[in-house]
């Protein structure tokens, strides 16, 4: 049996990075992005990232903790944290699947705005960009969400397909996920041939509901064929 090759995106499994400082704990190729500026990533937002994301330790395992707390007056805007692959883009046809572990600590408050659109805010979500959205054209890719309540299906955000993975909170339990990116792309966009994974990242936010959202991420990786 051929053993799949993996490309680890979130190096938090065995304590590879020191937790003494956030800069040392997060992989250097990871950047922070304002979701309203996906087409033009910003790389100098470390101070804002620290207001949401931190690296925590659980036994011999490190994980990325995210807490977006509008109730305490910060942060002011939602921020992605992820990796742009640049020149080392991963061929989509060569990806067997994307996998990760995550858990919800607190979902954003179920105010009227969230009841109307549960995709507005989430404790945990994972983004995959195949084609970045521009100021004129929509992008292609996926937003995998763990929603507070069941949301509408077959929806998009700037061209990205919103895929509901789970709902509720599961009382803080870690859950493993695995998705076939190529199969999903072919379902919604067309052939995987000639396409590349440009960006993979996470986002925890509660700016729309002006509340609090909290969750954790670990073992985010691409498994190659």
Foldseek 3Di string as FASTA:
>chain_A
DDDWDKDWWFPFAQCPFDQPDQCRRGPPQKAKAQVVPQVPGDRPCVVQVVQFWGWDDDPRTIWIKGKAFLVVPDDQGWMWIWGFCPPNWAQLVFFAKKKWKKFWPDFWDPDPVCVQPQVPFGLKKKWWFFATQDPVAAGETAIEGAGQDDGDAPDADSHHHYHYDHHRGVNGDMDMDIDSRQVVCCVPPRHSPPITTGMMTMIGYDNVVSGMTIMIIGRTMTTTD
